[in-house]
Amino acid sequence: MVLTTTEFDTIAAISTPPGEGGISIIRISGEEALDVAKKLYRGKDLDKVASNTINYGHIIDPDTNEEVDEVMLSVMRAPHTYTEEDIVEINCHGGIVATNRILQLALSHGARMAEPGEFTKRAFLNGRIDLSQSEAVMDLIEAKTDRSMKAAINQLDGNLSHLIKHLRQDILDVLAQVEVNIDYPEYDDVETMTSKLLREKATDVHARIVQLLKTAKQGKILREGLATSIIGRPNVGKSSLLNNLLHEDKAIVTDVPGTTRDVLEEYVNVHGVPLKLVDTAGIRDTTDKVEKIGVDRSRKAINSADLVLLVLNASEPLTDEDKKLLSATQDKQRIIILNKTDLPTKIDQDQIKSLADGQNVISTSAIKADGLTQLEELIAKMFFDEGIESSQNDIMVTNARHIGLLNQAKQALEDVVKGLDDGMPVDLVQIDMTRCWDFLGEITGDSYQDELIDQLFSQFCLGK
């Protein structure tokens, strides 16, 4: 359903981060956006300025005639705007006082405070973008690497939407043909022909959905980051490794075992892969209550990690605690890091390779930053086998909601084929084909519930 702009009131919000800065932007959208702005603005006649222009002037408190700030005011007239409504953007000097003052003037002279994500919600409801593109807006804002930004732009441009709509159209075409064959049979074997038609289309669409889902693992990593836990016993160099990957001294590093008492989380860009790095407390048996809490959290971090970086001290023989960690992480995607190679090596590397069972083992010196380039390359290769560069040229599904709906659509198509194999009547098999069509429509918002829309846009930042 597409609502007209006349069904919406006029909203306003600050669209720039709070605090001091060169510029702050107050955005006003709605049928009365220009009327609200005209009450506050002293400068050119806004009724006469061309659309998509920016104009110099001042914001005045109309009640006291007090000059509030010197501004540049943009006028964008419907329908060629972000929301497809009239939009005014007031560019004032950055700062909390001036920005809030202008917002309050707008709110007291005809606008109301926008809800989180309401500008983008109006763009969706007015038909300018679909639901998957709306979600890409937030992905673009939250992108942590240039690769995740490109994936968001790809989706915002509508590449995923176009694919989904083509799939839905193919399903709709075959459903229409099935209805024609049933209502106006021209041949005696219409049941056989219709079943064949359904099977071919279900198989074709299923294969295309499976191909799309192959990108889900990489896409989800680009969107949400790769949960990576750095674990090991105390004083093996975990915090030094974290600092090297971050290129800053974020974690406290000393030669005292047990310095890290809690779990530290930071994002880092590794060859375009956003890593959600978790530096954990050293895992060992301890009677220290505070350290024990950190150790317990470290063990939990192993279970929730997509990737484990198990750090061992290469300058010491393998300990029983090391062996326990090797055993505890054997079923996880992991890289075993032999750290402190700047010191004489005492660890049995053949024993490590045997215990690693063919998994990745790499030598580093966190102090000298040796081996870190190879570590970063290995991480990227593990999760982007064909290269992250090539993956950007294809349509990629990055959103957990989309992945779930695609899996449901795939299952519905499998039910179509199973129903045909079991000899079910065509009109019953059609139900599963229609279910697939509905699931795909939920991705783009062609079919949705109001509760879903409210929940999705409530996660957006205010002013977007």
Protein backbone atom coordinates (compact mmCIF):
# COMPACT_ATOMS: atom_id res chain seq x y z
CA MET A 1 0.00 0.00 0.00
CA VAL A 2 1.36 3.45 -0.92
CA LEU A 3 0.13 6.36 1.15
CA THR A 4 -0.09 9.86 -0.23
CA THR A 5 1.86 12.66 1.38
CA THR A 6 -1.34 14.41 2.43
CA GLU A 7 -1.90 11.67 5.01
CA PHE A 8 1.24 12.71 6.90
CA ASP A 9 1.82 15.69 9.16
CA THR A 10 5.03 17.73 9.13
CA ILE A 11 8.01 16.43 11.07
CA ALA A 12 11.36 17.86 12.13
CA ALA A 13 14.56 16.49 13.67
CA ILE A 14 18.29 17.13 13.91
CA SER A 15 20.06 15.06 11.25
CA THR A 16 23.65 15.54 12.42
CA PRO A 17 25.40 14.06 15.48
CA PRO A 18 25.12 16.07 18.70
CA GLY A 19 28.06 18.14 19.90
CA GLU A 20 30.33 20.82 18.51
CA GLY A 21 31.04 20.90 14.77
CA GLY A 22 31.21 23.11 11.74
CA ILE A 23 27.61 22.54 10.63
CA SER A 24 24.40 21.17 12.12
CA ILE A 25 21.38 20.27 10.00
CA ILE A 26 17.75 20.49 11.07
CA ARG A 27 15.52 18.62 8.61
CA ILE A 28 11.81 19.41 8.14
CA SER A 29 9.59 17.23 5.95
CA GLY A 30 5.89 17.36 5.14
CA GLU A 31 3.21 19.32 3.36
CA GLU A 32 3.77 22.36 5.60
CA ALA A 33 7.59 22.21 5.67
CA LEU A 34 7.92 25.46 3.68
CA ASP A 35 5.27 27.19 5.80
CA VAL A 36 7.15 26.30 8.99
CA ALA A 37 10.44 27.49 7.50
CA LYS A 38 8.94 30.79 6.30
CA LYS A 39 7.92 31.64 9.86
CA LEU A 40 11.53 31.32 11.03
CA TYR A 41 13.60 32.39 8.04
CA ARG A 42 14.61 35.90 7.04
CA GLY A 43 16.11 36.03 3.58
CA LYS A 44 14.81 35.28 0.10
CA ASP A 45 11.13 34.58 -0.51
CA LEU A 46 11.02 30.79 -0.16
CA ASP A 47 7.89 30.63 -2.35
CA LYS A 48 9.93 31.98 -5.25
CA VAL A 49 13.27 30.20 -4.87
CA ALA A 50 13.92 27.25 -7.18
CA SER A 51 13.75 23.72 -5.85
CA ASN A 52 17.05 22.05 -4.89
CA THR A 53 18.75 25.37 -4.08
CA ILE A 54 20.49 26.55 -0.96
CA ASN A 55 19.88 30.09 0.25
CA TYR A 56 21.67 32.42 2.67
CA GLY A 57 19.74 34.08 5.48
CA HIS A 58 19.00 34.15 9.22
CA ILE A 59 16.74 32.25 11.59
CA ILE A 60 14.58 34.61 13.66
CA ASP A 61 12.46 33.84 16.70
CA PRO A 62 9.10 35.09 15.37
CA ASP A 63 7.79 35.74 18.90
CA THR A 64 10.63 38.05 19.97
CA ASN A 65 12.13 39.01 16.59
CA GLU A 66 15.48 37.90 18.03
CA GLU A 67 18.13 36.72 15.56
CA VAL A 68 19.07 33.14 16.45
CA ASP A 69 21.70 32.17 13.87
CA GLU A 70 23.12 32.81 10.43
CA VAL A 71 22.14 29.89 8.20
CA MET A 72 22.08 28.32 4.75
CA LEU A 73 18.62 26.95 4.00
CA SER A 74 17.95 24.27 1.39
CA VAL A 75 14.57 23.99 -0.32
CA MET A 76 13.56 20.69 -1.96
CA ARG A 77 10.06 20.39 -3.35
CA ALA A 78 8.03 17.19 -3.72
CA PRO A 79 8.12 14.72 -5.30
CA HIS A 80 11.86 14.79 -6.12
CA THR A 81 13.05 14.51 -2.52
CA TYR A 82 14.17 11.81 -0.11
CA THR A 83 10.68 11.43 1.37
CA GLU A 84 8.78 12.52 -1.78
CA GLU A 85 7.43 15.35 0.40
CA ASP A 86 8.52 18.98 0.60
CA ILE A 87 11.77 19.12 2.56
CA VAL A 88 13.62 22.04 4.12
CA GLU A 89 17.08 21.59 5.60
CA ILE A 90 18.47 24.35 7.80
CA ASN A 91 22.27 24.38 7.93
CA CYS A 92 23.28 26.29 11.04
CA HIS A 93 26.51 26.62 13.01
CA GLY A 94 27.37 23.38 14.76
CA GLY A 95 26.73 23.40 18.49
CA ILE A 96 24.14 22.10 20.90
CA VAL A 97 22.58 25.44 21.87
CA ALA A 98 21.99 26.91 18.40
CA THR A 99 20.86 23.59 16.93
CA ASN A 100 18.37 22.81 19.68
CA ARG A 101 17.04 26.37 19.64
CA ILE A 102 16.22 26.18 15.92
CA LEU A 103 14.65 22.74 16.34
CA GLN A 104 12.44 24.00 19.16
CA LEU A 105 11.34 26.95 17.03
CA ALA A 106 10.34 24.57 14.24
CA LEU A 107 8.44 22.37 16.70
CA SER A 108 6.58 25.31 18.20
CA HIS A 109 5.57 26.70 14.79
CA GLY A 110 3.88 23.80 13.03
CA ALA A 111 6.14 20.72 13.03
CA ARG A 112 6.33 17.81 15.43
CA MET A 113 9.37 15.80 16.51
CA ALA A 114 10.13 12.99 14.09
CA GLU A 115 10.29 9.43 15.39
CA PRO A 116 13.47 7.38 14.85
CA GLY A 117 13.77 6.52 11.17
CA GLU A 118 10.58 8.37 10.23
CA PHE A 119 12.10 10.20 7.25
CA THR A 120 13.19 6.88 5.72
CA LYS A 121 9.87 5.30 6.73
CA ARG A 122 8.04 7.99 4.73
CA ALA A 123 10.33 7.33 1.76
CA PHE A 124 9.22 3.68 1.94
CA LEU A 125 5.52 4.37 2.49
CA ASN A 126 5.50 6.89 -0.36
CA GLY A 127 6.99 4.29 -2.69
CA ARG A 128 10.36 5.93 -3.32
CA ILE A 129 12.33 2.95 -1.96
CA ASP A 130 11.33 -0.55 -0.94
CA LEU A 131 11.90 -2.20 2.43
CA SER A 132 15.23 -3.82 1.58
CA GLN A 133 16.55 -0.47 0.35
CA SER A 134 15.31 1.17 3.56
CA GLU A 135 17.32 -1.33 5.60
CA ALA A 136 20.34 -0.63 3.39
CA VAL A 137 20.21 3.01 4.51
CA MET A 138 21.02 1.97 8.08
CA ASP A 139 23.59 -0.55 6.83
CA LEU A 140 25.32 2.29 5.00
CA ILE A 141 25.34 4.49 8.10
CA GLU A 142 26.72 1.66 10.25
CA ALA A 143 29.23 0.31 7.68
CA LYS A 144 32.56 -0.36 9.37
CA THR A 145 34.73 -0.97 6.30
CA ASP A 146 34.79 0.17 2.68
CA ARG A 147 33.67 -3.33 1.65
CA SER A 148 30.62 -3.29 3.92
CA MET A 149 29.85 0.20 2.60
CA LYS A 150 29.94 -1.09 -0.99
CA ALA A 151 27.64 -3.99 -0.08
CA ALA A 152 25.16 -1.51 1.45
CA ILE A 153 25.32 0.77 -1.60
CA ASN A 154 24.73 -2.24 -3.85
CA GLN A 155 21.54 -3.00 -1.95
CA LEU A 156 20.52 0.66 -1.72
CA ASP A 157 20.81 0.91 -5.51
CA GLY A 158 18.10 -1.76 -5.71
CA ASN A 159 20.15 -4.66 -7.10
CA LEU A 160 18.74 -7.13 -4.58
CA SER A 161 15.25 -5.66 -4.99
CA HIS A 162 15.35 -6.14 -8.75
CA LEU A 163 16.38 -9.79 -8.38
CA ILE A 164 13.63 -10.49 -5.84
CA LYS A 165 11.02 -8.78 -8.01
CA HIS A 166 12.09 -10.80 -11.04
CA LEU A 167 11.73 -14.01 -9.02
CA ARG A 168 8.27 -12.95 -7.84
CA GLN A 169 7.22 -12.06 -11.37
CA ASP A 170 8.36 -15.47 -12.65
CA ILE A 171 6.32 -17.16 -9.94
CA LEU A 172 3.31 -14.95 -10.69
CA ASP A 173 3.54 -15.77 -14.40
CA VAL A 174 3.51 -19.51 -13.78
CA LEU A 175 0.66 -19.24 -11.26
CA ALA A 176 -1.38 -17.30 -13.82
CA GLN A 177 -0.63 -19.93 -16.47
CA VAL A 178 -1.66 -22.70 -14.11
CA GLU A 179 -4.97 -20.95 -13.46
CA VAL A 180 -5.59 -20.62 -17.20
CA ASN A 181 -4.81 -24.30 -17.78
CA ILE A 182 -7.18 -25.36 -15.02
CA ASP A 183 -10.05 -23.04 -15.98
CA TYR A 184 -9.73 -23.41 -19.76
CA PRO A 185 -8.16 -26.80 -20.51
CA GLU A 186 -7.26 -27.23 -24.18
CA TYR A 187 -5.75 -30.69 -23.83
CA ASP A 188 -6.75 -33.93 -22.12
CA ASP A 189 -3.43 -34.14 -20.27
CA VAL A 190 -3.73 -30.65 -18.74
CA GLU A 191 -2.92 -32.01 -15.24
CA THR A 192 0.37 -33.48 -16.47
CA MET A 193 1.32 -30.34 -18.38
CA THR A 194 0.48 -28.07 -15.45
CA SER A 195 2.46 -30.23 -13.02
CA LYS A 196 5.43 -30.11 -15.38
CA LEU A 197 5.17 -26.34 -15.61
CA LEU A 198 5.10 -25.97 -11.81
CA ARG A 199 8.02 -28.34 -11.32
CA GLU A 200 10.22 -26.56 -13.85
CA LYS A 201 9.56 -23.14 -12.39
CA ALA A 202 9.94 -24.30 -8.78
CA THR A 203 13.27 -25.93 -9.65
CA ASP A 204 14.51 -22.86 -11.51
CA VAL A 205 13.57 -20.36 -8.78
CA HIS A 206 14.91 -22.71 -6.10
CA ALA A 207 18.32 -22.83 -7.82
CA ARG A 208 18.46 -19.02 -8.02
CA ILE A 209 17.56 -18.65 -4.33
CA VAL A 210 20.21 -21.22 -3.36
CA GLN A 211 22.78 -19.26 -5.37
CA LEU A 212 21.79 -16.08 -3.55
CA LEU A 213 21.98 -17.76 -0.16
CA LYS A 214 25.58 -18.80 -0.90
CA THR A 215 26.49 -15.15 -0.38
CA ALA A 216 24.74 -15.00 2.99
CA LYS A 217 27.73 -16.00 5.13
CA GLN A 218 30.02 -13.39 3.60
CA GLY A 219 27.26 -10.80 3.47
CA LYS A 220 26.36 -11.24 7.13
CA ILE A 221 30.04 -10.83 8.05
CA LEU A 222 30.27 -7.59 6.07
CA ARG A 223 27.13 -6.25 7.73
CA GLU A 224 27.60 -7.37 11.33
CA GLY A 225 31.32 -8.04 11.58
CA LEU A 226 33.18 -11.28 12.24
CA ALA A 227 32.99 -12.09 15.95
CA THR A 228 36.61 -12.89 16.72
CA SER A 229 37.83 -13.96 20.18
CA ILE A 230 41.49 -13.68 21.12
CA ILE A 231 42.08 -16.34 23.76
CA GLY A 232 44.99 -17.92 25.55
CA ARG A 233 46.41 -18.29 29.02
CA PRO A 234 47.71 -15.17 30.81
CA ASN A 235 50.72 -13.24 29.50
CA VAL A 236 50.95 -14.89 26.06
CA GLY A 237 50.52 -11.55 24.22
CA LYS A 238 46.77 -11.36 23.56
CA SER A 239 46.47 -7.65 24.38
CA SER A 240 49.61 -6.84 22.38
CA LEU A 241 48.09 -8.65 19.40
CA LEU A 242 44.85 -6.66 19.81
CA ASN A 243 46.76 -3.37 19.92
CA ASN A 244 48.71 -4.29 16.78
CA LEU A 245 45.56 -5.17 14.86
CA LEU A 246 43.92 -1.93 16.02
CA HIS A 247 47.07 0.10 15.36
CA GLU A 248 46.61 1.79 18.74
CA ASP A 249 47.23 1.04 22.42
CA LYS A 250 43.70 0.15 23.46
CA ALA A 251 44.47 -2.67 25.89
CA ILE A 252 46.80 -2.38 28.87
CA VAL A 253 49.94 -4.45 28.32
CA THR A 254 52.25 -5.52 31.19
CA ASP A 255 54.38 -8.54 32.00
CA VAL A 256 52.09 -9.29 34.96
CA PRO A 257 49.82 -12.30 34.26
CA GLY A 258 46.12 -11.53 34.68
CA THR A 259 46.35 -7.83 33.74
CA THR A 260 43.28 -8.12 31.50
CA ARG A 261 40.38 -8.78 33.87
CA ASP A 262 37.43 -8.27 31.53
CA VAL A 263 36.41 -8.72 27.91
CA LEU A 264 37.38 -5.83 25.61
CA GLU A 265 35.53 -5.39 22.29
CA GLU A 266 36.76 -3.34 19.33
CA TYR A 267 36.12 -3.28 15.56
CA VAL A 268 39.03 -3.46 13.13
CA ASN A 269 39.22 -3.46 9.33
CA VAL A 270 41.16 -6.47 8.04
CA HIS A 271 41.39 -6.39 4.24
CA GLY A 272 37.85 -5.06 4.07
CA VAL A 273 36.50 -7.62 6.57
CA PRO A 274 35.08 -5.96 9.71
CA LEU A 275 36.38 -7.93 12.69
CA LYS A 276 34.63 -7.58 16.01
CA LEU A 277 37.72 -8.29 18.09
CA VAL A 278 37.25 -9.56 21.62
CA ASP A 279 40.35 -9.50 23.85
CA THR A 280 39.59 -11.88 26.70
CA ALA A 281 41.07 -12.37 30.13
CA GLY A 282 43.76 -15.05 30.27
CA ILE A 283 42.17 -18.45 30.88
CA ARG A 284 43.62 -20.26 33.88
CA ASP A 285 42.54 -21.65 37.25
CA THR A 286 42.52 -18.79 39.74
CA THR A 287 41.25 -17.99 43.23
CA ASP A 288 41.02 -14.25 42.50
CA LYS A 289 37.27 -13.48 42.41
CA VAL A 290 37.55 -10.64 39.90
CA GLU A 291 39.89 -12.54 37.58
CA LYS A 292 37.65 -15.63 37.82
CA ILE A 293 34.69 -13.60 36.48
CA GLY A 294 36.85 -12.50 33.54
CA VAL A 295 37.93 -16.10 32.88
CA ASP A 296 34.28 -17.26 32.88
CA ARG A 297 33.41 -14.54 30.37
CA SER A 298 36.36 -15.61 28.24
CA ARG A 299 35.04 -19.17 28.06
CA LYS A 300 31.63 -17.84 26.97
CA ALA A 301 33.34 -15.71 24.29
CA ILE A 302 34.74 -18.89 22.73
CA ASN A 303 31.25 -20.33 22.25
CA SER A 304 29.86 -17.18 20.60
CA ALA A 305 32.85 -16.55 18.31
CA ASP A 306 32.85 -16.98 14.53
CA LEU A 307 36.64 -17.13 14.66
CA VAL A 308 39.02 -17.96 17.50
CA LEU A 309 42.56 -16.61 17.58
CA LEU A 310 44.28 -18.99 20.01
CA VAL A 311 47.52 -17.39 21.18
CA LEU A 312 50.32 -19.61 22.52
CA ASN A 313 53.69 -18.53 23.91
CA ALA A 314 56.32 -19.88 21.52
CA SER A 315 59.10 -19.11 24.03
CA GLU A 316 57.72 -21.66 26.52
CA PRO A 317 56.92 -25.39 26.27
CA LEU A 318 53.27 -26.31 25.75
CA THR A 319 51.42 -26.37 29.08
CA ASP A 320 48.43 -28.37 30.27
CA GLU A 321 46.34 -25.17 30.10
CA ASP A 322 47.40 -24.71 26.45
CA LYS A 323 46.32 -28.28 25.69
CA LYS A 324 42.94 -27.68 27.32
CA LEU A 325 42.41 -24.60 25.14
CA LEU A 326 43.44 -26.52 22.03
CA SER A 327 40.85 -29.16 22.91
CA ALA A 328 38.14 -26.64 23.81
CA THR A 329 38.46 -24.84 20.45
CA GLN A 330 38.99 -27.80 18.13
CA ASP A 331 35.46 -27.57 16.71
CA LYS A 332 35.68 -23.81 16.06
CA GLN A 333 37.03 -21.92 13.09
CA ARG A 334 40.41 -20.98 14.51
CA ILE A 335 43.92 -19.78 13.87
CA ILE A 336 46.65 -20.93 16.24
CA ILE A 337 49.15 -18.13 16.79
CA LEU A 338 52.64 -18.94 18.07
CA ASN A 339 53.54 -15.59 19.57
CA LYS A 340 56.79 -14.16 20.99
CA THR A 341 58.97 -15.53 18.17
CA ASP A 342 61.39 -12.69 18.94
CA LEU A 343 62.49 -14.86 21.90
CA PRO A 344 64.20 -18.30 21.69
CA THR A 345 61.61 -20.85 20.59
CA LYS A 346 60.90 -23.59 23.15
CA ILE A 347 57.47 -24.79 22.04
CA ASP A 348 57.31 -28.09 20.11
CA GLN A 349 55.95 -26.96 16.72
CA ASP A 350 55.51 -30.53 15.46
CA GLN A 351 53.35 -31.25 18.50
CA ILE A 352 51.31 -28.13 17.78
CA LYS A 353 50.74 -29.12 14.15
CA SER A 354 49.67 -32.58 15.29
CA LEU A 355 47.22 -31.18 17.85
CA ALA A 356 45.98 -28.58 15.35
CA ASP A 357 44.81 -31.39 13.05
CA GLY A 358 45.75 -29.54 9.87
CA GLN A 359 44.26 -26.21 10.94
CA ASN A 360 45.96 -22.87 10.42
CA VAL A 361 49.12 -22.22 12.45
CA ILE A 362 51.02 -18.94 12.13
CA SER A 363 54.04 -17.47 13.92
CA THR A 364 54.08 -13.86 15.14
CA SER A 365 55.90 -11.39 17.31
CA ALA A 366 53.35 -8.92 18.62
CA ILE A 367 56.16 -6.80 20.07
CA LYS A 368 57.89 -6.43 16.68
CA ALA A 369 54.64 -6.66 14.64
CA ASP A 370 56.06 -9.62 12.70
CA GLY A 371 53.63 -11.99 11.01
CA LEU A 372 50.61 -9.69 11.36
CA THR A 373 50.27 -9.10 7.61
CA GLN A 374 50.17 -12.85 7.03
CA LEU A 375 47.61 -13.19 9.82
CA GLU A 376 45.32 -10.59 8.26
CA GLU A 377 45.62 -12.20 4.82
CA LEU A 378 44.80 -15.61 6.30
CA ILE A 379 41.66 -14.28 8.02
CA ALA A 380 40.39 -12.73 4.77
CA LYS A 381 41.14 -15.95 2.84
CA MET A 382 39.35 -18.15 5.38
CA PHE A 383 36.05 -16.31 5.04
CA PHE A 384 36.28 -15.03 1.47
CA ASP A 385 37.70 -17.98 -0.44
CA GLU A 386 37.27 -16.43 -3.89
CA GLY A 387 38.50 -13.03 -2.80
CA ILE A 388 36.52 -10.21 -1.27
CA GLU A 389 37.06 -8.01 -4.32
CA SER A 390 35.19 -10.36 -6.66
CA SER A 391 32.34 -10.78 -4.18
CA GLN A 392 31.50 -7.09 -4.44
CA ASN A 393 30.53 -7.45 -8.11
CA ASP A 394 27.67 -9.83 -7.29
CA ILE A 395 24.36 -9.34 -5.53
CA MET A 396 24.91 -10.19 -1.89
CA VAL A 397 22.36 -10.86 0.84
CA THR A 398 23.59 -9.35 4.11
CA ASN A 399 20.51 -9.05 6.31
CA ALA A 400 19.50 -11.79 8.78
CA ARG A 401 15.80 -11.06 8.12
CA HIS A 402 16.33 -11.50 4.39
CA ILE A 403 18.28 -14.72 4.93
CA GLY A 404 15.46 -16.16 7.04
CA LEU A 405 12.81 -15.27 4.45
CA LEU A 406 14.90 -16.70 1.60
CA ASN A 407 15.25 -19.97 3.51
CA GLN A 408 11.49 -20.05 4.04
CA ALA A 409 10.92 -19.37 0.34
CA LYS A 410 13.35 -22.16 -0.56
CA GLN A 411 11.52 -24.57 1.74
CA ALA A 412 8.17 -23.64 0.16
CA LEU A 413 9.57 -24.51 -3.28
CA GLU A 414 10.86 -27.83 -1.95
CA ASP A 415 7.33 -28.47 -0.67
CA VAL A 416 6.04 -27.78 -4.21
CA VAL A 417 8.29 -30.45 -5.69
CA LYS A 418 7.51 -32.91 -2.89
CA GLY A 419 3.79 -32.34 -3.35
CA LEU A 420 4.09 -33.06 -7.07
CA ASP A 421 6.13 -36.19 -6.36
CA ASP A 422 3.43 -37.35 -3.94
CA GLY A 423 0.73 -36.78 -6.55
CA MET A 424 -1.03 -33.94 -4.76
CA PRO A 425 -3.64 -31.98 -6.76
CA VAL A 426 -2.27 -28.95 -8.58
CA ASP A 427 -4.53 -26.50 -6.74
CA LEU A 428 -3.01 -27.62 -3.43
CA VAL A 429 0.55 -27.45 -4.76
CA GLN A 430 -0.19 -23.90 -5.86
CA ILE A 431 -0.56 -22.90 -2.21
CA ASP A 432 3.12 -23.59 -1.53
CA MET A 433 4.14 -21.70 -4.66
CA THR A 434 2.07 -18.73 -3.46
CA ARG A 435 3.73 -18.98 -0.01
CA CYS A 436 7.11 -18.62 -1.72
CA TRP A 437 5.83 -15.54 -3.55
CA ASP A 438 4.65 -14.04 -0.23
CA PHE A 439 7.96 -14.72 1.57
CA LEU A 440 9.90 -12.99 -1.19
CA GLY A 441 7.48 -10.06 -1.03
CA GLU A 442 8.27 -9.58 2.67
CA ILE A 443 11.90 -8.87 1.74
CA THR A 444 11.00 -5.90 -0.44
CA GLY A 445 7.96 -4.85 1.58
CA ASP A 446 5.44 -5.69 -1.15
CA SER A 447 3.73 -7.68 1.57
CA TYR A 448 4.24 -6.71 5.20
CA GLN A 449 2.61 -6.17 8.57
CA ASP A 450 2.47 -2.78 10.25
CA GLU A 451 4.17 -4.22 13.35
CA LEU A 452 7.19 -5.24 11.26
CA ILE A 453 7.51 -1.77 9.74
CA ASP A 454 7.31 -0.05 13.12
CA GLN A 455 9.88 -2.43 14.61
CA LEU A 456 12.35 -2.05 11.74
CA PHE A 457 12.31 1.74 11.56
CA SER A 458 12.48 2.11 15.35
CA GLN A 459 16.07 0.83 15.08
CA PHE A 460 17.08 3.81 12.93
CA CYS A 461 18.80 6.88 14.31
CA LEU A 462 16.76 10.01 14.93
CA GLY A 463 16.76 12.36 11.93
CA LYS A 464 17.23 9.68 9.26
